Structure formats: C-alpha cells, structure tokens
Amino acid sequence: MTVDEVAAAFMILRAGGIRSMFKHDDEILEAMRVWVVVLDDVGGEELVTAARSYLRQPASYYWPTPGQLLALVPRHQAELIDSNGRWGELLALVRKHGSYTPPRKPGSDVGSGEWTVDEGTWRGIQACGGWRELCMVTRDTMAAQRAAFRSAYEVAGERNRMQIEQRAASAPRLEVVK
C-alpha cells in the first residue's frame, strides 16, 4: 500500500460526495500515511474497490474509517464468516466427502484427503474428535459437536486476529511532526 493508492481511494470518496473530515492538506497527507500503515495488507486495487463499494451503501454519508473499508474488501469479507455458517458448510462437506476422505491440515500433508480446509475449520474438526467422529454425529450428539466446533473455530479466529494486530503493532511507526 502506498500513499498514492490511498490518495486514489480518497479521491473516489470525495468525488462520490463524501465530505472530507480533514480541513487542511497536511491533515490529509498525515491521514494517508496512517492509512498506509493500518491497511498494509491491502492492495491498492482492493482499496479502490472497497471505496466504490462504500459509496454504493445507502448510509454512506460520513468519511469511512480504514476498518469500514477493510470490511468491504472481498477477501476480508470471506474471513468474517461466523462459526454458525462454517458449521453448516462443514456438514455439507461431511455429506459430500464421507468419512473415508478426510481433509488435509492446512499447509501440510497431515490427513489423507485431497482437499483442505482453513485453519479454524481444521481446529473445529479436531475439537469434535476428528473427521470420522464428526461424520458419525447423531441427533443426540449434534449439539455437543456443534458447540465444540464453534468454540474451537472462534478461538482460531481470535488467534488469527491477534496475529494480525501483532503484525500491525510491529509495523514501522509514524512520527507526528508539528
């Protein structure tokens, strides 16, 4: 992410009728520098797409925060799927693949399947006792399995968010010049 890429997103927002909260050019430049640091894992095209998406929302009256635009980046939206939605997807995978074709652990050869799941889903499967145990779920055990899956999935999501925050905290600091 560069200042020029942030400037492109700022121009789209201003041209779209969002009134800037910055009064002076030096405030705009400082804000752009902060956005570069905060959104260091987002590409320029992704940011422009998010700015365009923000303008399409009916309640887009005010200048967005970096977090509001980040939530509109498609690859980050995919990370926001909650544990309930993922549980439903997992049950569909159980029906599709069956007990004899478990997934591989993300980033390794653990598991005999030819397909993988994300880290949170993998941890959820393990919390249920593994793939085969999950495939043998009954009405009597469904609630307990779902609770175990959701808990592990949410913990993995929180761990991922903490890692992102730690990377952001270790990013180069901006000095405020007065």
Protein backbone atom coordinates (compact mmCIF):
# COMPACT_ATOMS: atom_id res chain seq x y z
CA MET A 1 0.00 0.00 0.00
CA THR A 2 1.34 3.41 -0.96
CA VAL A 3 0.24 6.96 -0.28
CA ASP A 4 -0.71 7.28 -3.97
CA GLU A 5 -3.01 4.25 -3.71
CA VAL A 6 -4.68 5.70 -0.61
CA ALA A 7 -4.96 9.04 -2.44
CA ALA A 8 -6.84 7.29 -5.26
CA ALA A 9 -9.35 5.90 -2.74
CA PHE A 10 -9.66 9.32 -1.07
CA MET A 11 -10.39 10.91 -4.47
CA ILE A 12 -13.13 8.39 -5.18
CA LEU A 13 -14.72 9.05 -1.80
CA ARG A 14 -14.58 12.83 -2.27
CA ALA A 15 -15.88 12.65 -5.84
CA GLY A 16 -18.68 10.41 -4.60
CA GLY A 17 -19.95 13.14 -2.32
CA ILE A 18 -18.42 12.10 0.99
CA ARG A 19 -17.34 15.26 2.75
CA SER A 20 -13.78 15.02 3.98
CA MET A 21 -13.26 15.35 7.70
CA PHE A 22 -9.84 16.89 7.05
CA LYS A 23 -9.60 20.68 6.90
CA HIS A 24 -6.04 21.17 5.65
CA ASP A 25 -3.80 19.45 3.13
CA ASP A 26 -1.29 18.49 5.83
CA GLU A 27 -4.07 16.66 7.73
CA ILE A 28 -4.99 14.76 4.57
CA LEU A 29 -1.38 13.74 3.95
CA GLU A 30 -0.96 12.62 7.57
CA ALA A 31 -4.19 10.60 7.37
CA MET A 32 -2.98 8.95 4.16
CA ARG A 33 0.25 7.93 5.86
CA VAL A 34 -1.70 6.40 8.74
CA TRP A 35 -3.95 4.51 6.32
CA VAL A 36 -0.85 3.11 4.58
CA VAL A 37 0.29 1.63 7.90
CA VAL A 38 -3.15 0.43 9.03
CA LEU A 39 -4.01 -1.14 5.66
CA ASP A 40 -0.56 -2.52 4.85
CA ASP A 41 -2.02 -5.93 3.92
CA VAL A 42 -4.50 -4.48 1.40
CA GLY A 43 -3.63 -3.79 -2.23
CA GLY A 44 -4.39 -0.50 -3.97
CA GLU A 45 -6.98 -2.05 -6.28
CA GLU A 46 -8.67 -3.70 -3.32
CA LEU A 47 -8.86 -0.37 -1.50
CA VAL A 48 -10.33 1.39 -4.54
CA THR A 49 -12.90 -1.40 -4.90
CA ALA A 50 -13.78 -1.07 -1.20
CA ALA A 51 -14.18 2.72 -1.60
CA ARG A 52 -16.53 2.16 -4.55
CA SER A 53 -18.50 -0.39 -2.51
CA TYR A 54 -18.74 2.07 0.37
CA LEU A 55 -20.25 4.70 -1.93
CA ARG A 56 -22.91 2.20 -3.03
CA GLN A 57 -24.19 1.80 0.53
CA PRO A 58 -27.28 3.84 1.33
CA ALA A 59 -25.86 5.08 4.65
CA SER A 60 -22.52 6.29 3.30
CA TYR A 61 -22.81 9.89 4.48
CA TYR A 62 -19.63 10.16 6.51
CA TRP A 63 -15.96 9.63 5.85
CA PRO A 64 -15.19 5.92 6.43
CA THR A 65 -12.63 4.57 8.83
CA PRO A 66 -9.98 2.20 7.48
CA GLY A 67 -11.81 -0.63 9.27
CA GLN A 68 -15.06 0.15 7.49
CA LEU A 69 -13.33 -0.11 4.12
CA LEU A 70 -11.42 -3.21 5.19
CA ALA A 71 -14.73 -4.93 5.89
CA LEU A 72 -15.67 -4.29 2.24
CA VAL A 73 -12.55 -5.91 0.78
CA PRO A 74 -13.80 -9.22 -0.69
CA ARG A 75 -11.03 -11.42 0.70
CA HIS A 76 -11.57 -9.96 4.18
CA GLN A 77 -15.32 -10.49 3.91
CA ALA A 78 -14.63 -14.18 3.46
CA GLU A 79 -12.78 -14.18 6.80
CA LEU A 80 -15.85 -12.78 8.53
CA ILE A 81 -18.00 -15.87 8.05
CA ASP A 82 -19.18 -16.76 11.52
CA SER A 83 -18.90 -20.16 13.16
CA ASN A 84 -22.57 -20.97 12.57
CA GLY A 85 -22.17 -20.51 8.83
CA ARG A 86 -18.97 -22.53 8.84
CA TRP A 87 -20.70 -25.34 10.79
CA GLY A 88 -23.33 -25.58 8.07
CA GLU A 89 -20.65 -25.64 5.39
CA LEU A 90 -18.82 -28.35 7.31
CA LEU A 91 -21.92 -30.56 7.44
CA ALA A 92 -22.24 -30.15 3.67
CA LEU A 93 -18.59 -31.28 3.33
CA VAL A 94 -19.33 -34.32 5.51
CA ARG A 95 -22.17 -35.28 3.16
CA LYS A 96 -20.05 -34.63 0.08
CA HIS A 97 -16.82 -36.38 1.09
CA GLY A 98 -17.90 -39.00 3.61
CA SER A 99 -15.88 -40.49 6.44
CA TYR A 100 -13.22 -42.12 4.27
CA THR A 101 -11.88 -38.92 2.70
CA PRO A 102 -10.87 -36.53 5.49
CA PRO A 103 -9.34 -33.15 4.67
CA ARG A 104 -5.66 -32.36 4.89
CA LYS A 105 -4.43 -29.97 7.53
CA PRO A 106 -3.81 -26.54 6.00
CA GLY A 107 -0.23 -26.16 4.83
CA SER A 108 0.81 -29.79 5.43
CA ASP A 109 0.34 -33.37 4.30
CA VAL A 110 -1.46 -34.42 7.51
CA GLY A 111 -4.69 -36.20 6.57
CA SER A 112 -5.30 -38.48 3.65
CA GLY A 113 -7.77 -36.35 1.72
CA GLU A 114 -7.04 -34.45 -1.43
CA TRP A 115 -8.82 -31.33 -0.18
CA THR A 116 -8.03 -28.89 2.60
CA VAL A 117 -9.95 -26.64 4.96
CA ASP A 118 -8.92 -23.38 6.62
CA GLU A 119 -7.12 -23.39 9.98
CA GLY A 120 -10.23 -22.53 12.02
CA THR A 121 -12.27 -25.31 10.44
CA TRP A 122 -9.40 -27.76 10.96
CA ARG A 123 -9.22 -26.89 14.66
CA GLY A 124 -13.00 -27.23 14.91
CA ILE A 125 -12.87 -30.70 13.35
CA GLN A 126 -10.19 -31.72 15.84
CA ALA A 127 -12.31 -30.38 18.72
CA CYS A 128 -15.12 -32.68 17.56
CA GLY A 129 -12.82 -35.69 17.88
CA GLY A 130 -11.61 -35.74 14.29
CA TRP A 131 -13.17 -36.22 10.88
CA ARG A 132 -14.56 -39.72 11.40
CA GLU A 133 -16.14 -38.78 14.71
CA LEU A 134 -17.71 -35.78 13.05
CA CYS A 135 -19.07 -37.99 10.28
CA MET A 136 -20.74 -40.21 12.87
CA VAL A 137 -22.63 -37.33 14.51
CA THR A 138 -26.20 -38.14 15.55
CA ARG A 139 -29.09 -36.00 16.72
CA ASP A 140 -28.12 -36.79 20.29
CA THR A 141 -24.51 -35.65 19.85
CA MET A 142 -25.09 -32.84 17.33
CA ALA A 143 -25.43 -30.04 19.90
CA ALA A 144 -22.24 -31.03 21.73
CA GLN A 145 -20.29 -31.41 18.47
CA ARG A 146 -21.55 -28.07 17.20
CA ALA A 147 -20.61 -26.35 20.46
CA ALA A 148 -17.12 -27.88 20.40
CA PHE A 149 -16.65 -26.89 16.75
CA ARG A 150 -17.88 -23.33 17.28
CA SER A 151 -15.66 -22.80 20.30
CA ALA A 152 -12.52 -24.03 18.54
CA TYR A 153 -13.36 -22.14 15.34
CA GLU A 154 -13.89 -18.87 17.22
CA VAL A 155 -10.67 -19.33 19.22
CA ALA A 156 -8.76 -19.88 15.97
CA GLY A 157 -10.37 -16.75 14.52
CA GLU A 158 -9.41 -14.74 17.58
CA ARG A 159 -5.85 -16.09 17.38
CA ASN A 160 -5.71 -15.02 13.74
CA ARG A 161 -6.97 -11.52 14.61
CA MET A 162 -4.36 -11.24 17.38
CA GLN A 163 -1.60 -12.20 14.94
CA ILE A 164 -2.80 -9.51 12.52
CA GLU A 165 -2.82 -6.95 15.32
CA GLN A 166 0.68 -8.00 16.40
CA ARG A 167 1.94 -7.54 12.84
CA ALA A 168 0.31 -4.12 12.75
CA ALA A 169 1.88 -3.23 16.10
CA SER A 170 5.32 -4.21 14.83
CA ALA A 171 4.91 -2.17 11.62
CA PRO A 172 7.00 0.96 11.25
CA ARG A 173 5.74 3.79 13.43
CA LEU A 174 4.87 7.18 12.05
CA GLU A 175 6.27 10.23 13.73
CA VAL A 176 3.92 13.14 14.09
CA VAL A 177 5.73 16.28 13.06
CA LYS A 178 4.34 19.54 14.36
